[in-house]
């Protein structure tokens, strides 16, 4: 039986929590709070005007993009000097924020909406086996583990997996059943298919472009359809979900949904799709759409 494809998109909105908030936005930038620090990062979608321009000037850290490349550039810090790693928390998960060379802080705050959904799904299952591909620094893996899952975390970057393991230690989850794998996602999944391995839930959060540990090249538009079909083959008969998130200007939630429908054509269930957004706090809050998702669920 084919899954039921939702006819209307959904917007998953992440709002601030104790260690994070989108304070203001505008003029192609966003002002955020990470723990006790305020940070300015480029965000071209913010066509509107900021509500408190002076607060941007008083930020602890500002990312200056290199020419037209918003993801590359350098950090500029206030008079107190450079900021190294610093602690953060989301629910039961503790992790380290870091000022990376690519304007990110070693996690993606807008993903909290997906973490909430993941937490609720896992808590309704009995010790499910979850596969997290392109797992980065592990917040989603740790959210699943904290909710009671056995997790396999896969990322091509040894440094990212090292950070993820450190975050597991910080969260008190180092003794939980989590496997840490440094490998190209496509190679790992293909091998799992040959082994006949099965999972109750799979998370995919791939980059638009990347390289594997031995030089493998990942291109979202070329490689995602095949990987998604292989992931569907790894779903157990009583599997609960397959979640795909993608950051790319030339993609949409609807296109991801149709790709998901093709991969799960014989599994029944339903497919929801839409946009992941980050919202300011307070009245008349504005939200920034940052990625697209499609998810199959039982």
Protein backbone atom coordinates (compact mmCIF):
# COMPACT_ATOMS: atom_id res chain seq x y z
CA UNK A 1 0.00 0.00 0.00
CA UNK A 2 1.33 3.43 -0.92
CA UNK A 3 1.77 5.97 1.88
CA UNK A 4 -0.72 8.82 2.14
CA UNK A 5 0.95 12.02 0.99
CA UNK A 6 -0.20 15.15 2.81
CA UNK A 7 -1.67 17.73 0.44
CA UNK A 8 -0.63 20.70 2.55
CA UNK A 9 2.81 21.74 3.81
CA UNK A 10 3.63 22.13 7.50
CA UNK A 11 5.93 24.70 9.06
CA UNK A 12 7.91 23.33 12.00
CA UNK A 13 8.87 26.33 14.12
CA UNK A 14 11.76 26.38 16.58
CA UNK A 15 11.47 28.97 19.32
CA UNK A 16 14.06 29.85 21.90
CA UNK A 17 14.89 27.81 24.98
CA UNK A 18 17.07 28.50 28.03
CA UNK A 19 20.38 28.30 26.13
CA UNK A 20 19.32 29.70 22.76
CA UNK A 21 17.17 32.48 21.28
CA UNK A 22 16.78 34.36 18.02
CA UNK A 23 16.71 37.87 19.48
CA UNK A 24 16.31 40.00 16.36
CA UNK A 25 16.79 39.86 12.60
CA UNK A 26 16.98 42.12 9.57
CA UNK A 27 19.23 43.73 6.97
CA UNK A 28 20.50 40.28 5.96
CA UNK A 29 21.58 39.29 9.48
CA UNK A 30 20.31 37.56 12.59
CA UNK A 31 21.14 38.32 16.21
CA UNK A 32 21.16 35.22 18.40
CA UNK A 33 21.87 34.31 22.00
CA UNK A 34 23.95 31.20 22.66
CA UNK A 35 24.18 30.65 26.40
CA UNK A 36 25.51 33.96 27.71
CA UNK A 37 26.87 35.21 24.37
CA UNK A 38 25.20 37.27 21.65
CA UNK A 39 26.18 36.44 18.09
CA UNK A 40 25.55 38.05 14.68
CA UNK A 41 25.51 35.81 11.60
CA UNK A 42 24.56 36.52 7.97
CA UNK A 43 21.08 35.50 6.84
CA UNK A 44 20.18 36.81 3.36
CA UNK A 45 16.48 35.97 3.79
CA UNK A 46 16.05 38.70 6.41
CA UNK A 47 14.89 41.41 3.99
CA UNK A 48 13.16 43.39 6.73
CA UNK A 49 14.67 45.90 9.15
CA UNK A 50 15.99 44.95 12.60
CA UNK A 51 13.98 46.19 15.56
CA UNK A 52 17.03 47.03 17.71
CA UNK A 53 19.99 47.85 15.41
CA UNK A 54 22.21 48.92 18.32
CA UNK A 55 22.07 45.41 19.78
CA UNK A 56 23.79 44.05 16.66
CA UNK A 57 26.67 46.45 17.22
CA UNK A 58 27.05 45.30 20.83
CA UNK A 59 27.26 41.56 20.04
CA UNK A 60 30.05 39.44 21.52
CA UNK A 61 30.84 37.83 18.15
CA UNK A 62 30.15 38.72 14.51
CA UNK A 63 30.74 36.50 11.49
CA UNK A 64 32.10 38.46 8.52
CA UNK A 65 31.47 36.49 5.31
CA UNK A 66 34.16 36.31 2.65
CA UNK A 67 32.90 38.22 -0.39
CA UNK A 68 29.76 36.47 -1.69
CA UNK A 69 30.33 33.24 0.24
CA UNK A 70 28.15 33.51 3.34
CA UNK A 71 29.41 30.18 4.75
CA UNK A 72 33.10 31.08 4.67
CA UNK A 73 34.77 34.00 6.35
CA UNK A 74 36.01 34.83 9.83
CA UNK A 75 34.74 35.60 13.30
CA UNK A 76 35.27 39.02 14.85
CA UNK A 77 35.00 39.23 18.64
CA UNK A 78 34.40 42.16 20.99
CA UNK A 79 36.95 43.66 23.40
CA UNK A 80 36.79 40.60 25.64
CA UNK A 81 38.56 38.55 22.97
CA UNK A 82 38.02 35.27 21.17
CA UNK A 83 35.55 32.76 22.58
CA UNK A 84 36.51 29.09 22.56
CA UNK A 85 34.20 26.20 23.33
CA UNK A 86 31.29 26.83 25.70
CA UNK A 87 28.57 24.61 27.26
CA UNK A 88 24.97 24.43 26.03
CA UNK A 89 21.93 22.29 26.86
CA UNK A 90 18.69 21.18 25.20
CA UNK A 91 16.45 19.18 27.55
CA UNK A 92 18.57 16.24 28.76
CA UNK A 93 21.26 16.73 26.11
CA UNK A 94 24.39 18.71 26.93
CA UNK A 95 26.78 19.72 24.19
CA UNK A 96 29.56 22.16 23.33
CA UNK A 97 29.13 25.24 21.17
CA UNK A 98 32.12 26.16 19.01
CA UNK A 99 32.85 29.07 16.67
CA UNK A 100 33.61 27.17 13.47
CA UNK A 101 35.15 28.67 10.28
CA UNK A 102 31.82 28.18 8.49
CA UNK A 103 29.59 30.59 10.49
CA UNK A 104 27.97 27.71 12.39
CA UNK A 105 28.44 27.00 16.09
CA UNK A 106 28.77 23.20 15.88
CA UNK A 107 25.02 22.59 15.87
CA UNK A 108 21.93 23.90 14.07
CA UNK A 109 19.44 25.46 16.51
CA UNK A 110 16.51 25.33 14.10
CA UNK A 111 16.73 21.52 14.29
CA UNK A 112 15.20 21.65 17.77
CA UNK A 113 11.77 21.31 16.13
CA UNK A 114 12.92 17.98 14.66
CA UNK A 115 14.48 16.96 17.99
CA UNK A 116 11.12 17.50 19.70
CA UNK A 117 9.36 15.37 17.11
CA UNK A 118 12.06 12.68 17.37
CA UNK A 119 11.87 12.65 21.17
CA UNK A 120 8.10 12.09 21.08
CA UNK A 121 8.33 9.29 18.48
CA UNK A 122 11.10 7.41 20.31
CA UNK A 123 9.40 7.63 23.71
CA UNK A 124 6.40 5.85 22.21
CA UNK A 125 8.52 2.86 21.15
CA UNK A 126 10.17 0.00 23.04
CA UNK A 127 13.96 0.46 22.80
CA UNK A 128 13.96 1.15 19.04
CA UNK A 129 17.05 0.92 16.83
CA UNK A 130 17.72 4.31 15.26
CA UNK A 131 20.20 5.16 12.48
CA UNK A 132 21.40 8.77 12.23
CA UNK A 133 23.23 9.52 8.98
CA UNK A 134 25.30 12.70 8.55
CA UNK A 135 25.03 12.88 12.35
CA UNK A 136 27.50 15.80 12.78
CA UNK A 137 28.13 16.59 16.47
CA UNK A 138 25.41 14.27 17.67
CA UNK A 139 22.62 16.29 19.25
CA UNK A 140 19.90 14.35 17.39
CA UNK A 141 21.61 11.05 18.25
CA UNK A 142 21.77 12.01 21.92
CA UNK A 143 18.16 13.20 21.96
CA UNK A 144 17.15 9.77 20.63
CA UNK A 145 19.39 7.96 23.12
CA UNK A 146 18.04 10.02 26.03
CA UNK A 147 14.52 9.04 24.95
CA UNK A 148 15.42 5.32 25.10
CA UNK A 149 16.76 4.37 21.66
CA UNK A 150 19.72 2.27 20.59
CA UNK A 151 21.53 4.59 18.17
CA UNK A 152 23.99 4.16 15.32
CA UNK A 153 25.60 7.51 14.55
CA UNK A 154 27.37 7.86 11.18
CA UNK A 155 29.39 10.81 9.89
CA UNK A 156 32.25 11.09 7.42
CA UNK A 157 34.14 13.57 9.63
CA UNK A 158 36.32 12.06 12.35
CA UNK A 159 36.40 15.43 14.11
CA UNK A 160 32.60 15.66 14.18
CA UNK A 161 32.29 12.15 15.60
CA UNK A 162 34.90 13.00 18.24
CA UNK A 163 32.84 16.04 19.24
CA UNK A 164 29.70 13.88 19.30
CA UNK A 165 31.32 11.40 21.68
CA UNK A 166 32.45 14.28 23.91
CA UNK A 167 28.86 15.55 23.91
CA UNK A 168 27.68 12.08 24.95
CA UNK A 169 30.06 12.23 27.92
CA UNK A 170 28.76 15.69 28.85
CA UNK A 171 25.19 14.40 28.67
CA UNK A 172 25.90 11.39 30.86
CA UNK A 173 25.03 9.12 27.94
CA UNK A 174 28.40 7.49 27.30
CA UNK A 175 27.15 4.19 28.73
CA UNK A 176 24.04 4.17 26.53
CA UNK A 177 23.95 1.86 23.46
CA UNK A 178 25.37 4.26 20.86
CA UNK A 179 27.65 3.11 18.03
CA UNK A 180 29.94 5.79 16.59
CA UNK A 181 30.89 5.21 12.93
CA UNK A 182 33.28 7.34 10.83
CA UNK A 183 32.35 6.44 7.27
CA UNK A 184 30.74 7.65 4.07
CA UNK A 185 26.96 7.34 4.58
CA UNK A 186 26.34 5.68 1.20
CA UNK A 187 28.98 3.02 1.79
CA UNK A 188 27.71 2.28 5.29
CA UNK A 189 24.08 2.01 4.21
CA UNK A 190 24.92 -0.20 1.20
CA UNK A 191 26.81 -2.57 3.49
CA UNK A 192 23.92 -2.64 5.98
CA UNK A 193 21.52 -3.52 3.16
CA UNK A 194 23.76 -6.44 2.15
CA UNK A 195 23.87 -7.59 5.79
CA UNK A 196 20.10 -7.50 6.07
CA UNK A 197 20.23 -5.02 8.97
CA UNK A 198 16.99 -3.35 10.06
CA UNK A 199 16.10 -0.16 11.94
CA UNK A 200 12.94 1.23 13.49
CA UNK A 201 13.77 4.81 12.58
CA UNK A 202 16.26 6.61 10.32
CA UNK A 203 17.36 10.25 10.32
CA UNK A 204 19.04 11.88 7.33
CA UNK A 205 20.36 15.44 7.46
CA UNK A 206 22.75 15.59 4.49
CA UNK A 207 24.76 18.60 3.31
CA UNK A 208 24.40 19.96 -0.20
CA UNK A 209 28.01 18.96 -0.89
CA UNK A 210 30.60 17.02 1.10
CA UNK A 211 33.49 14.60 1.07
CA UNK A 212 33.86 11.23 2.73
CA UNK A 213 36.82 10.10 4.85
CA UNK A 214 38.64 8.64 1.83
CA UNK A 215 37.73 11.34 -0.69
CA UNK A 216 34.23 10.20 -1.67
CA UNK A 217 32.21 13.08 -3.11
CA UNK A 218 28.64 13.68 -1.96
CA UNK A 219 26.26 15.75 -4.10
CA UNK A 220 22.74 16.12 -2.74
CA UNK A 221 20.80 16.22 -6.01
CA UNK A 222 22.70 13.34 -7.60
CA UNK A 223 23.12 11.04 -4.60
CA UNK A 224 20.08 11.54 -2.36
CA UNK A 225 17.48 9.50 -4.35
CA UNK A 226 19.58 6.34 -4.30
CA UNK A 227 20.53 6.72 -0.65
CA UNK A 228 16.92 7.28 0.37
CA UNK A 229 15.81 4.09 -1.42
CA UNK A 230 18.55 2.13 0.36
CA UNK A 231 17.43 3.62 3.68
CA UNK A 232 13.86 2.52 3.00
CA UNK A 233 15.22 -1.01 2.48
CA UNK A 234 16.70 -0.84 6.00
CA UNK A 235 13.35 -0.12 7.65
CA UNK A 236 12.02 -2.96 9.77
CA UNK A 237 8.54 -4.31 9.07
CA UNK A 238 7.30 -2.41 12.14
CA UNK A 239 9.51 0.65 11.55
CA UNK A 240 8.13 3.95 12.81
CA UNK A 241 9.75 6.74 10.79
CA UNK A 242 12.16 7.94 8.11
CA UNK A 243 13.05 11.62 8.47
CA UNK A 244 14.83 13.62 5.76
CA UNK A 245 16.01 17.21 6.20
CA UNK A 246 17.82 19.21 3.51
CA UNK A 247 19.42 22.64 3.21
CA UNK A 248 19.51 23.74 -0.42
CA UNK A 249 18.15 26.75 -2.27
CA UNK A 250 17.04 24.70 -5.27
CA UNK A 251 14.91 22.23 -3.34
CA UNK A 252 11.47 22.21 -1.73
CA UNK A 253 9.59 20.22 0.85
CA UNK A 254 7.24 18.97 -1.85
CA UNK A 255 10.09 17.63 -3.98
CA UNK A 256 11.48 15.82 -0.92
CA UNK A 257 8.01 14.41 -0.24
CA UNK A 258 7.69 12.94 -3.74
CA UNK A 259 11.15 11.41 -3.46
CA UNK A 260 10.14 9.96 -0.07
CA UNK A 261 6.90 8.58 -1.57
CA UNK A 262 8.86 6.77 -4.27
CA UNK A 263 11.26 5.27 -1.72
CA UNK A 264 8.47 4.07 0.62
CA UNK A 265 5.88 3.20 -2.05
CA UNK A 266 4.90 -0.15 -0.49
CA UNK A 267 4.95 0.72 3.22
CA UNK A 268 1.65 2.43 3.89
CA UNK A 269 1.77 5.12 6.58
CA UNK A 270 1.84 8.80 5.73
CA UNK A 271 4.26 11.43 4.46
CA UNK A 272 4.35 14.92 5.92
CA UNK A 273 6.47 17.65 4.43
CA UNK A 274 7.23 21.34 4.72
CA UNK A 275 9.69 23.88 6.02
CA UNK A 276 11.80 24.21 9.15
CA UNK A 277 11.80 27.74 10.57
CA UNK A 278 13.52 29.66 13.34
CA UNK A 279 11.36 32.20 15.16
CA UNK A 280 12.13 35.31 17.16
CA UNK A 281 10.72 35.49 20.66
CA UNK A 282 7.98 37.84 21.79
CA UNK A 283 4.90 39.39 20.17
CA UNK A 284 4.86 39.93 16.40
CA UNK A 285 7.76 37.49 16.11
CA UNK A 286 9.20 36.97 12.65
CA UNK A 287 10.38 33.57 11.49
CA UNK A 288 13.13 32.56 9.06
CA UNK A 289 12.66 29.49 6.86
CA UNK A 290 15.98 27.64 6.88
CA UNK A 291 15.50 24.11 5.55
CA UNK A 292 12.97 21.68 4.12
CA UNK A 293 11.86 18.29 5.39
CA UNK A 294 9.86 15.24 4.45
CA UNK A 295 9.11 12.42 6.83
CA UNK A 296 7.45 9.06 6.46
CA UNK A 297 5.82 7.74 9.61
CA UNK A 298 3.70 4.76 10.54
